[in-house]
Protein backbone atom coordinates (compact mmCIF):
# COMPACT_ATOMS: atom_id res chain seq x y z
CA MET A 1 -90.63 -127.12 -142.17
CA LEU A 2 -90.88 -130.51 -140.33
CA LYS A 3 -94.78 -130.73 -141.67
CA GLN A 4 -93.72 -130.06 -145.12
CA THR A 5 -91.08 -132.38 -145.21
CA ILE A 6 -93.15 -135.30 -143.63
CA GLN A 7 -96.34 -134.45 -146.06
CA ALA A 8 -93.68 -134.61 -149.17
CA PHE A 9 -91.73 -137.55 -147.92
CA TRP A 10 -95.26 -139.80 -147.06
CA GLU A 11 -96.49 -138.64 -150.55
CA ASN A 12 -93.43 -139.88 -152.80
CA GLU A 13 -91.78 -142.65 -150.82
CA ALA A 14 -93.46 -143.90 -148.06
CA GLN A 15 -97.59 -144.18 -149.29
CA PRO A 16 -96.17 -146.26 -152.53
CA ALA A 17 -94.00 -148.42 -150.22
CA LEU A 18 -97.26 -148.66 -148.02
CA MET A 19 -99.57 -149.74 -151.12
CA ASP A 20 -97.34 -152.22 -152.27
CA PHE A 21 -97.76 -153.79 -149.09
CA VAL A 22 -101.19 -153.61 -149.37
CA ARG A 23 -100.63 -155.68 -152.41
CA LEU A 24 -99.60 -158.59 -150.62
CA PRO A 25 -102.16 -161.72 -149.40
CA ALA A 26 -99.93 -161.60 -146.26
CA LYS A 27 -102.56 -163.28 -143.86
CA SER A 28 -101.65 -164.42 -140.46
CA THR A 29 -100.52 -167.53 -139.64
CA ALA A 30 -104.23 -168.55 -137.98
CA PHE A 31 -105.53 -167.82 -141.52
CA ASP A 32 -103.40 -169.34 -144.12
CA ALA A 33 -102.11 -172.90 -143.41
CA GLN A 34 -99.77 -172.73 -145.95
CA TRP A 35 -98.06 -169.56 -145.25
CA ARG A 36 -94.27 -171.31 -145.10
CA GLU A 37 -95.00 -172.18 -148.44
CA ASN A 38 -96.76 -169.41 -149.81
CA GLY A 39 -93.94 -166.81 -148.41
CA TYR A 40 -96.16 -163.52 -148.02
CA LEU A 41 -95.58 -162.99 -144.65
CA ARG A 42 -91.52 -163.42 -145.57
CA GLN A 43 -91.66 -160.93 -148.55
CA ALA A 44 -93.64 -158.77 -146.07
CA CYS A 45 -90.60 -158.59 -143.94
CA ASP A 46 -87.78 -158.50 -146.82
CA GLN A 47 -90.12 -155.63 -149.06
CA ALA A 48 -89.79 -153.16 -145.68
CA ALA A 49 -86.22 -153.94 -145.50
CA THR A 50 -85.46 -153.67 -148.80
CA TRP A 51 -87.05 -150.12 -148.56
CA ILE A 52 -85.89 -148.86 -145.48
CA LYS A 53 -82.16 -149.81 -146.48
CA LYS A 54 -82.86 -147.70 -149.53
CA ILE A 55 -84.24 -144.57 -147.65
CA ILE A 56 -81.54 -144.87 -144.70
CA PRO A 57 -78.63 -147.11 -145.90
CA CYS A 58 -76.78 -146.90 -142.34
CA ALA A 59 -79.72 -148.59 -141.06
CA HIS A 60 -79.46 -152.31 -139.93
CA CYS A 61 -82.39 -154.44 -141.07
CA GLU A 62 -82.49 -158.50 -140.22
CA VAL A 63 -85.35 -160.63 -141.20
CA LEU A 64 -85.75 -163.65 -138.70
CA GLU A 65 -86.70 -166.97 -139.02
CA ILE A 66 -86.23 -169.26 -136.41
CA ASP A 67 -87.05 -172.87 -135.63
CA GLY A 68 -90.07 -172.58 -137.96
CA LYS A 69 -91.21 -169.64 -136.27
CA ALA A 70 -93.18 -166.97 -137.78
CA PRO A 71 -90.78 -164.26 -139.37
CA CYS A 72 -89.98 -161.04 -137.95
CA LEU A 73 -88.03 -157.79 -138.69
CA PHE A 74 -85.39 -156.02 -136.33
CA VAL A 75 -84.30 -152.61 -137.30
CA GLU A 76 -81.55 -150.89 -135.60
CA ILE A 77 -80.69 -147.10 -136.73
CA GLU A 78 -77.79 -145.54 -134.85
CA ALA A 79 -78.66 -141.95 -133.32
CA PHE A 80 -78.21 -139.08 -135.55
CA GLY A 81 -76.75 -135.63 -134.47
CA LEU A 82 -75.38 -135.32 -131.09
CA GLY A 83 -74.28 -138.14 -129.15
CA SER A 84 -76.63 -139.97 -127.43
CA GLU A 85 -76.92 -143.11 -125.17
CA LYS A 86 -80.73 -142.90 -124.87
CA SER A 87 -82.70 -145.18 -127.74
CA ALA A 88 -86.45 -145.40 -128.28
CA ALA A 89 -88.22 -148.38 -129.32
CA PHE A 90 -90.93 -149.25 -131.91
CA TYR A 91 -93.63 -152.20 -132.28
CA GLY A 92 -95.80 -152.76 -135.38
CA HIS A 93 -97.05 -155.98 -137.24
CA LEU A 94 -97.15 -156.87 -141.01
CA ASP A 95 -99.36 -159.86 -141.05
CA LYS A 96 -103.43 -159.23 -141.72
CA GLN A 97 -106.55 -160.47 -141.12
CA PRO A 98 -108.19 -162.38 -143.89
CA GLU A 99 -110.27 -160.63 -147.07
CA ASN A 100 -113.47 -160.70 -145.24
CA TYR A 101 -115.64 -159.64 -148.02
CA PRO A 102 -118.01 -158.38 -149.45
CA TRP A 103 -115.66 -155.07 -149.87
CA ARG A 104 -117.45 -151.81 -151.85
CA GLU A 105 -117.37 -151.71 -155.52
CA GLY A 106 -114.25 -150.05 -156.67
CA LEU A 107 -112.05 -151.86 -153.25
CA GLY A 108 -110.47 -154.89 -152.59
CA PRO A 109 -108.17 -156.31 -149.81
CA TRP A 110 -105.33 -156.36 -151.95
CA THR A 111 -106.12 -153.81 -154.38
CA PRO A 112 -104.53 -150.27 -152.90
CA VAL A 113 -106.70 -147.16 -153.73
CA VAL A 114 -106.59 -143.88 -152.61
CA GLU A 115 -110.20 -141.93 -152.57
CA GLY A 116 -109.51 -138.02 -151.13
CA ASP A 117 -108.04 -138.37 -147.73
CA TYR A 118 -108.07 -142.53 -147.61
CA LEU A 119 -105.77 -145.45 -148.54
CA TYR A 120 -107.98 -148.48 -148.52
CA GLY A 121 -106.75 -152.25 -148.66
CA ARG A 122 -106.38 -154.78 -146.28
CA GLY A 123 -103.65 -154.25 -143.71
CA ALA A 124 -103.02 -150.19 -144.60
CA SER A 125 -104.25 -148.97 -141.08
CA ASP A 126 -103.80 -152.67 -139.49
CA ASP A 127 -100.99 -152.21 -139.37
CA GLY A 128 -98.48 -152.33 -142.18
CA TYR A 129 -98.53 -148.28 -141.78
CA SER A 130 -96.37 -148.98 -138.59
CA VAL A 131 -92.78 -149.28 -140.55
CA TYR A 132 -93.28 -146.76 -143.20
CA ALA A 133 -94.18 -144.42 -140.23
CA MET A 134 -91.40 -144.61 -138.31
CA ILE A 135 -89.34 -144.43 -141.20
CA THR A 136 -91.12 -141.11 -142.28
CA ALA A 137 -90.67 -139.64 -138.66
CA ILE A 138 -87.06 -140.50 -138.50
CA GLU A 139 -85.67 -139.68 -141.93
CA SER A 140 -87.76 -136.19 -142.13
CA LEU A 141 -85.66 -135.53 -139.01
CA ARG A 142 -82.42 -136.56 -140.62
CA ARG A 143 -83.25 -134.43 -143.89
CA LEU A 144 -84.07 -131.50 -142.26
CA ASN A 145 -80.57 -132.05 -139.75
CA ILE A 146 -82.49 -132.38 -136.17
CA LYS A 147 -80.94 -134.92 -133.60
CA HIS A 148 -83.09 -138.09 -132.94
CA PRO A 149 -81.71 -140.86 -130.67
CA ARG A 150 -81.03 -144.40 -131.41
CA ILE A 151 -83.58 -146.29 -133.12
CA VAL A 152 -84.76 -149.90 -132.15
CA ALA A 153 -87.95 -151.66 -133.77
CA ILE A 154 -89.13 -155.00 -134.33
CA PHE A 155 -91.99 -155.93 -137.16
CA GLU A 156 -93.78 -159.39 -136.19
CA THR A 157 -96.17 -161.18 -138.72
CA GLN A 158 -98.19 -163.06 -136.28
CA GLU A 159 -100.11 -160.57 -133.97
CA GLU A 160 -103.48 -161.39 -135.43
CA SER A 161 -103.20 -165.03 -134.66
CA GLY A 162 -101.64 -164.10 -130.56
CA SER A 163 -98.01 -163.51 -131.25
CA ASP A 164 -97.52 -166.76 -129.79
CA ASP A 165 -93.67 -166.14 -131.41
CA LEU A 166 -93.07 -162.71 -130.06
CA PRO A 167 -91.81 -163.67 -126.63
CA PHE A 168 -89.26 -166.20 -128.41
CA TYR A 169 -88.27 -163.05 -130.41
CA LEU A 170 -88.21 -160.35 -127.66
CA GLU A 171 -85.56 -162.83 -125.56
CA LYS A 172 -83.67 -163.45 -128.48
CA LEU A 173 -83.15 -159.68 -129.13
CA LYS A 174 -83.66 -158.56 -125.48
CA SER A 175 -79.82 -157.56 -125.55
CA ARG A 176 -79.66 -155.75 -128.48
CA ILE A 177 -82.68 -153.78 -127.96
CA GLY A 178 -81.52 -152.42 -124.28
CA GLN A 179 -83.60 -150.45 -122.07
CA PRO A 180 -85.46 -147.75 -124.30
CA GLU A 181 -86.75 -144.76 -123.08
CA CYS A 182 -90.07 -145.92 -124.71
CA PHE A 183 -91.67 -148.26 -126.82
CA ILE A 184 -94.43 -147.12 -129.32
CA ILE A 185 -96.83 -149.37 -130.19
CA LEU A 186 -98.10 -148.56 -133.21
CA ASP A 187 -101.20 -150.67 -133.10
CA ASN A 188 -103.74 -149.25 -131.68
CA LEU A 189 -107.30 -147.03 -131.97
CA CYS A 190 -107.90 -143.53 -131.62
CA GLY A 191 -111.38 -142.24 -131.00
CA ASP A 192 -111.44 -139.19 -133.47
CA TYR A 193 -108.95 -137.99 -136.15
CA GLU A 194 -108.55 -134.57 -134.05
CA ARG A 195 -106.29 -135.09 -131.54
CA LEU A 196 -103.79 -138.09 -130.55
CA TRP A 197 -105.15 -140.57 -128.21
CA LEU A 198 -102.64 -142.66 -125.87
CA ASN A 199 -104.48 -145.60 -124.62
CA THR A 200 -103.95 -146.62 -121.33
CA SER A 201 -105.72 -149.76 -120.73
CA LEU A 202 -106.69 -153.28 -122.79
CA ARG A 203 -108.83 -155.47 -121.83
CA GLY A 204 -107.44 -158.88 -121.61
CA THR A 205 -109.18 -162.74 -124.04
CA LEU A 206 -110.16 -165.91 -122.40
CA THR A 207 -111.39 -167.72 -125.51
CA GLY A 208 -112.54 -171.59 -126.11
CA THR A 209 -114.85 -173.75 -127.67
CA LEU A 210 -117.48 -175.20 -125.76
CA THR A 211 -118.73 -178.72 -127.35
CA VAL A 212 -122.09 -180.32 -126.49
CA LYS A 213 -123.22 -183.94 -127.85
CA ALA A 214 -126.16 -185.43 -126.88
CA LEU A 215 -126.59 -187.95 -129.52
CA SER A 216 -124.37 -190.26 -131.89
CA TYR A 217 -126.08 -188.74 -134.99
CA GLY A 218 -129.05 -186.45 -135.66
CA VAL A 219 -132.55 -187.31 -135.71
CA HIS A 220 -135.68 -186.17 -137.07
CA SER A 221 -137.41 -183.48 -135.37
CA GLY A 222 -141.12 -184.32 -135.53
CA THR A 223 -140.05 -187.74 -133.98
CA TYR A 224 -137.74 -187.08 -131.07
CA SER A 225 -138.48 -183.46 -130.48
CA GLY A 226 -139.49 -183.54 -126.82
CA ILE A 227 -138.21 -187.03 -126.14
CA VAL A 228 -134.18 -186.02 -126.38
CA PRO A 229 -132.42 -183.08 -125.47
CA ASP A 230 -131.45 -180.60 -127.89
CA PRO A 231 -127.61 -179.93 -127.84
CA VAL A 232 -128.21 -177.01 -129.57
CA SER A 233 -130.50 -175.52 -126.83
CA ILE A 234 -128.29 -176.94 -124.01
CA ALA A 235 -125.22 -175.26 -125.33
CA GLN A 236 -127.63 -172.09 -125.01
CA ALA A 237 -128.54 -172.37 -121.55
CA LEU A 238 -124.91 -172.98 -120.62
CA VAL A 239 -123.84 -169.78 -122.02
CA ALA A 240 -126.66 -167.90 -120.40
CA ARG A 241 -125.32 -169.27 -116.67
CA ILE A 242 -122.27 -166.77 -117.43
CA HIS A 243 -124.09 -164.00 -119.67
CA ASP A 244 -127.08 -162.63 -120.41
CA PRO A 245 -128.08 -162.63 -123.84
CA MET A 246 -130.27 -159.56 -123.48
CA SER A 247 -128.27 -157.38 -121.49
CA GLY A 248 -124.93 -158.39 -122.00
CA ILE A 249 -124.14 -158.98 -118.06
CA VAL A 250 -121.62 -161.31 -117.43
CA SER A 251 -122.55 -162.82 -113.94
CA LEU A 252 -119.43 -164.09 -112.91
CA ASN A 253 -117.50 -162.31 -110.06
CA ALA A 254 -113.96 -163.68 -110.82
CA LEU A 255 -114.37 -161.90 -114.17
CA HIS A 256 -114.73 -158.22 -112.73
CA THR A 257 -112.73 -155.58 -111.03
CA ASP A 258 -112.81 -152.20 -109.62
CA ILE A 259 -112.28 -149.92 -112.14
CA PRO A 260 -109.79 -147.51 -111.60
CA PRO A 261 -110.85 -143.80 -110.58
CA LEU A 262 -108.73 -141.98 -112.84
CA ARG A 263 -109.46 -144.02 -116.02
CA VAL A 264 -113.82 -143.56 -114.91
CA LYS A 265 -112.52 -139.91 -114.76
CA GLN A 266 -110.52 -140.12 -118.17
CA LEU A 267 -113.50 -141.97 -120.13
CA LYS A 268 -116.03 -139.38 -118.77
CA GLU A 269 -114.26 -136.82 -120.57
CA VAL A 270 -114.02 -138.61 -123.87
CA GLY A 271 -117.63 -139.35 -123.54
CA ASP A 272 -118.18 -135.81 -123.42
CA VAL A 273 -115.60 -134.65 -126.29
CA LEU A 274 -117.37 -138.12 -128.66
CA GLY A 275 -120.77 -138.06 -127.17
CA SER A 276 -122.68 -140.22 -130.04
CA GLU A 277 -120.10 -140.80 -131.94
CA VAL A 278 -119.07 -143.86 -129.55
CA TRP A 279 -121.67 -145.78 -131.02
CA LYS A 280 -122.23 -144.29 -134.45
CA ALA A 281 -118.96 -145.21 -135.99
CA ALA A 282 -120.76 -148.75 -135.61
CA PRO A 283 -122.99 -149.63 -138.44
CA LEU A 284 -126.09 -150.13 -137.35
CA LEU A 285 -128.87 -150.35 -139.07
CA PRO A 286 -131.74 -147.92 -139.33
CA GLY A 287 -133.83 -148.18 -135.90
CA VAL A 288 -131.18 -150.40 -133.85
CA LYS A 289 -130.00 -149.03 -130.83
CA PRO A 290 -126.67 -149.04 -128.91
CA LYS A 291 -127.00 -151.00 -125.49
CA SER A 292 -126.97 -147.68 -123.83
CA GLU A 293 -127.14 -144.10 -124.75
CA THR A 294 -125.16 -142.56 -122.68
CA PRO A 295 -121.57 -142.24 -123.94
CA HIS A 296 -119.94 -143.23 -120.48
CA GLU A 297 -121.50 -145.82 -119.74
CA CYS A 298 -121.18 -147.42 -123.41
CA LEU A 299 -117.10 -146.33 -122.78
CA LEU A 300 -117.10 -148.19 -119.78
CA ASN A 301 -118.67 -151.26 -121.07
CA SER A 302 -116.74 -151.96 -123.59
CA ILE A 303 -113.32 -151.15 -122.12
CA TRP A 304 -113.31 -152.09 -118.36
CA GLU A 305 -116.58 -154.49 -118.35
CA PRO A 306 -116.13 -157.73 -119.33
CA THR A 307 -118.18 -159.18 -122.65
CA LEU A 308 -119.01 -162.23 -124.06
CA THR A 309 -119.56 -163.26 -128.01
CA ILE A 310 -120.32 -166.30 -129.81
CA ILE A 311 -118.11 -165.70 -132.80
CA GLY A 312 -118.12 -169.13 -134.36
CA ILE A 313 -120.65 -172.42 -134.59
CA ASP A 314 -120.03 -175.63 -135.86
CA GLY A 315 -122.40 -178.62 -136.36
CA ILE A 316 -126.00 -176.38 -137.12
CA PRO A 317 -126.43 -176.58 -141.09
CA SER A 318 -127.29 -173.55 -143.30
CA VAL A 319 -130.76 -171.81 -143.68
CA GLN A 320 -130.66 -173.44 -147.34
CA ASN A 321 -129.81 -176.96 -145.94
CA ALA A 322 -131.77 -177.17 -142.91
CA GLY A 323 -133.99 -179.89 -142.85
CA SER A 324 -136.10 -181.08 -139.80
CA VAL A 325 -133.27 -182.26 -137.92
CA ILE A 326 -132.24 -182.22 -133.94
CA GLN A 327 -128.18 -182.30 -134.25
CA GLY A 328 -126.23 -184.82 -132.70
CA GLU A 329 -123.95 -181.98 -131.63
CA VAL A 330 -123.04 -178.56 -132.22
CA ALA A 331 -119.82 -176.50 -131.17
CA LEU A 332 -119.52 -172.76 -129.99
CA ARG A 333 -116.42 -170.68 -129.89
CA LEU A 334 -116.96 -168.00 -127.42
CA SER A 335 -114.79 -164.79 -126.67
CA MET A 336 -114.76 -163.33 -123.67
CA ARG A 337 -113.34 -159.73 -122.92
CA THR A 338 -112.06 -159.56 -119.75
CA PRO A 339 -111.06 -156.53 -117.57
CA PRO A 340 -107.35 -155.41 -116.65
CA GLY A 341 -105.97 -156.76 -113.50
CA ILE A 342 -108.36 -159.82 -112.44
CA ASP A 343 -106.60 -163.11 -111.73
CA MET A 344 -106.73 -165.10 -115.29
CA GLU A 345 -106.27 -168.15 -113.44
CA LYS A 346 -109.70 -167.62 -111.08
CA ALA A 347 -111.35 -166.35 -114.04
CA GLN A 348 -110.64 -169.53 -116.09
CA LYS A 349 -111.80 -171.74 -113.03
CA ALA A 350 -114.72 -169.99 -112.77
CA VAL A 351 -115.74 -170.41 -116.48
CA ARG A 352 -115.23 -173.95 -116.65
CA GLU A 353 -117.16 -174.44 -113.62
CA ALA A 354 -120.20 -172.83 -114.99
CA LEU A 355 -120.17 -174.98 -118.54
CA THR A 356 -118.95 -178.34 -117.41
CA GLU A 357 -120.43 -178.51 -113.77
CA ASN A 358 -124.17 -179.91 -113.58
CA ILE A 359 -125.02 -180.39 -117.07
CA PRO A 360 -128.83 -180.80 -117.95
CA TYR A 361 -129.79 -184.52 -118.97
CA GLY A 362 -126.41 -186.16 -118.69
CA CYS A 363 -125.11 -184.37 -121.95
CA SER A 364 -121.49 -184.95 -122.86
CA VAL A 365 -119.65 -180.87 -122.74
CA THR A 366 -116.28 -180.21 -122.78
CA TRP A 367 -114.65 -176.92 -122.72
CA ASP A 368 -111.18 -176.59 -124.63
CA ASP A 369 -108.91 -175.23 -127.24
CA ILE A 370 -108.54 -172.10 -124.54
CA GLU A 371 -106.63 -169.18 -125.15
CA CYS A 372 -105.88 -166.67 -122.59
CA HIS A 373 -104.35 -163.58 -122.52
CA GLU A 374 -104.13 -160.90 -119.77
CA GLY A 375 -104.97 -157.76 -120.03
CA TRP A 376 -103.39 -154.11 -119.05
CA CYS A 377 -103.37 -150.96 -117.59
CA ALA A 378 -100.69 -148.20 -117.87
CA PRO A 379 -99.00 -146.63 -114.36
CA PRO A 380 -101.68 -143.87 -113.09
CA GLN A 381 -99.03 -141.38 -113.33
CA GLY A 382 -97.81 -140.55 -116.72
CA GLY A 383 -93.96 -140.80 -117.53
CA LYS A 384 -91.52 -138.47 -119.33
CA VAL A 385 -91.94 -139.34 -122.19
CA GLU A 386 -96.02 -139.42 -122.08
CA ALA A 387 -95.44 -135.94 -121.28
CA LEU A 388 -93.11 -135.05 -124.05
CA PHE A 389 -96.58 -136.85 -126.52
CA ASN A 390 -98.89 -134.80 -124.84
CA GLU A 391 -96.44 -131.35 -125.57
CA ALA A 392 -95.94 -132.30 -129.13
CA ALA A 393 -99.38 -132.98 -130.01
CA ASN A 394 -100.81 -130.10 -128.73
CA GLU A 395 -98.36 -128.46 -131.21
CA VAL A 396 -99.36 -130.15 -133.92
CA PHE A 397 -103.16 -131.00 -133.53
CA GLY A 398 -103.66 -127.56 -131.74
CA THR A 399 -106.34 -129.60 -129.13
CA GLN A 400 -105.99 -131.51 -125.96
CA THR A 401 -104.38 -135.19 -125.84
CA LEU A 402 -107.13 -137.58 -124.53
CA ALA A 403 -106.23 -140.74 -122.84
CA SER A 404 -108.51 -143.61 -123.20
CA GLY A 405 -108.58 -147.51 -123.50
CA GLN A 406 -109.29 -150.00 -125.59
CA GLY A 407 -111.71 -153.00 -125.36
CA ALA A 408 -109.52 -155.18 -127.34
CA SER A 409 -106.27 -157.01 -126.67
CA ILE A 410 -102.70 -156.66 -127.75
CA GLY A 411 -101.68 -159.68 -125.50
CA PHE A 412 -98.19 -159.08 -125.75
CA VAL A 413 -97.99 -155.72 -124.03
CA PRO A 414 -97.84 -157.52 -120.40
CA ASP A 415 -94.77 -159.00 -121.76
CA PHE A 416 -93.10 -156.27 -123.25
CA GLU A 417 -93.73 -154.53 -119.32
CA ALA A 418 -92.16 -157.12 -117.74
CA MET A 419 -89.12 -157.80 -120.02
CA PHE A 420 -88.29 -153.87 -120.31
CA PRO A 421 -89.72 -152.64 -116.72
CA GLN A 422 -87.47 -149.11 -116.85
CA THR A 423 -89.25 -148.43 -120.43
CA GLU A 424 -92.54 -146.51 -120.99
CA ILE A 425 -95.16 -148.28 -122.82
CA ILE A 426 -96.83 -145.53 -125.52
CA LEU A 427 -99.85 -147.11 -127.23
CA ILE A 428 -101.18 -144.85 -130.39
CA GLY A 429 -102.26 -145.50 -133.47
CA VAL A 430 -104.76 -144.51 -136.59
CA LEU A 431 -107.63 -146.84 -136.33
CA GLY A 432 -110.07 -144.39 -136.09
CA PRO A 433 -114.06 -144.20 -137.25
CA GLN A 434 -114.56 -145.94 -140.51
CA SER A 435 -110.76 -147.43 -140.47
CA ASN A 436 -112.85 -151.02 -140.59
CA ALA A 437 -109.73 -153.32 -139.09
CA HIS A 438 -110.59 -156.42 -139.82
CA SER A 439 -113.91 -155.84 -141.64
CA PRO A 440 -114.47 -154.98 -145.35
CA ASN A 441 -113.05 -151.47 -146.72
CA GLU A 442 -110.31 -151.21 -144.48
CA SER A 443 -108.84 -147.62 -144.78
CA LEU A 444 -106.08 -145.34 -143.36
CA ASN A 445 -106.85 -141.78 -142.31
CA ILE A 446 -103.83 -139.98 -144.88
CA ARG A 447 -103.98 -136.68 -142.91
CA TYR A 448 -103.86 -138.01 -139.34
CA THR A 449 -100.91 -140.68 -140.63
CA GLN A 450 -98.89 -137.69 -141.14
CA GLN A 451 -100.40 -135.91 -137.89
CA LEU A 452 -99.42 -138.57 -135.84
CA ILE A 453 -96.12 -138.91 -137.91
CA ASN A 454 -95.30 -134.99 -137.17
CA THR A 455 -95.84 -136.02 -133.25
CA VAL A 456 -93.81 -138.58 -133.30
CA SER A 457 -90.58 -136.30 -135.07
CA LEU A 458 -90.91 -134.04 -132.49
CA VAL A 459 -90.97 -136.50 -129.61
CA LEU A 460 -87.91 -138.37 -131.10
CA SER A 461 -85.97 -134.89 -131.07
CA ARG A 462 -86.52 -134.04 -128.09
CA ILE A 463 -85.90 -137.68 -126.13
């Protein structure tokens, strides 16, 4: 009955509400300079709170917007059924990445479209579904008169911009959150849609802007090439000090770590299951090969090895507007993914020294606007709630749960762990193949989402 109840509630109540959320251009603070005036982030919180109160009238929903910080939604739902002092906590986010065109014909970032098993639209899977999935799991239990523990939840609106305001809200809410048995973070990857995926590690980030200046203004390349240094070439040479552009290997020892044998073993199991799907989910052009065609090696490289990506460039004209000019200066935005467990202060120092010392031809070089977040790795031995998830997922999916890591970053997870040391961190999500988070044609796999909800419901009934 639980499966059928979840399916009916999702189709009739939760999915229509999620589609209303997709319609909101609730871009994160980094992508909407007028986010306060536009009010979409606040509207996303208000919309979710109103819907929750309609479904569970006894729920306490509070939209917090303090000292100009990005709004967040805090939810409390008392235990249902037998009296219990235990509680479970949830996390999700209601801010979105920008549009990132072009979307496929018939689709758009703010236009929800259901095609077969998929709901398309920005924020559907990353991460608006989290509110509606949580309430579906809880309300389905209540309709079947199945007990659940006290529920607390926080849904922020700044995750896509680094979650800078989240520690403030967590500190404000700490006493009301208490010491839950688990924090279920519904913002994660899944390797396929055939089983539950528990994420056991996250890479950190070290991001900054490298600016190289050689001239007070650009000059004719025909006259001055061979005489003056080219800032673009100097920037490329500096980046090559820390990153081989062909192999992708990061050379700085401070950015590497010893990979725990358990995680190596788990990723070998994941590689055996996924095979070439590890890289086939990427939109590689015909004839383009991945950097490795060994699934296990690909997973280790993307989850536990440091990598560097140039994610932005200023100072270079478009091809259409390119003249014969040596530019006066260039700025590169560098994003480094760092493994869990490294000393981030040493890593920052090593990167700064490599980029700013012994500069060719005396060019002016700066490394600034730095953002830094630590990685995270789960304890080697899973706890009681993780065991409940393994048991419940086996019932729902009929396949073994797999433990994997994530190459991306969720910078606030170490804060959760430090603030709630007795609480298990459970990272699960719906971002599987072709979900296209941050990209055109973002989609939510509806069938998988319902199975994930079913698993969460069973766990809540057994805590």
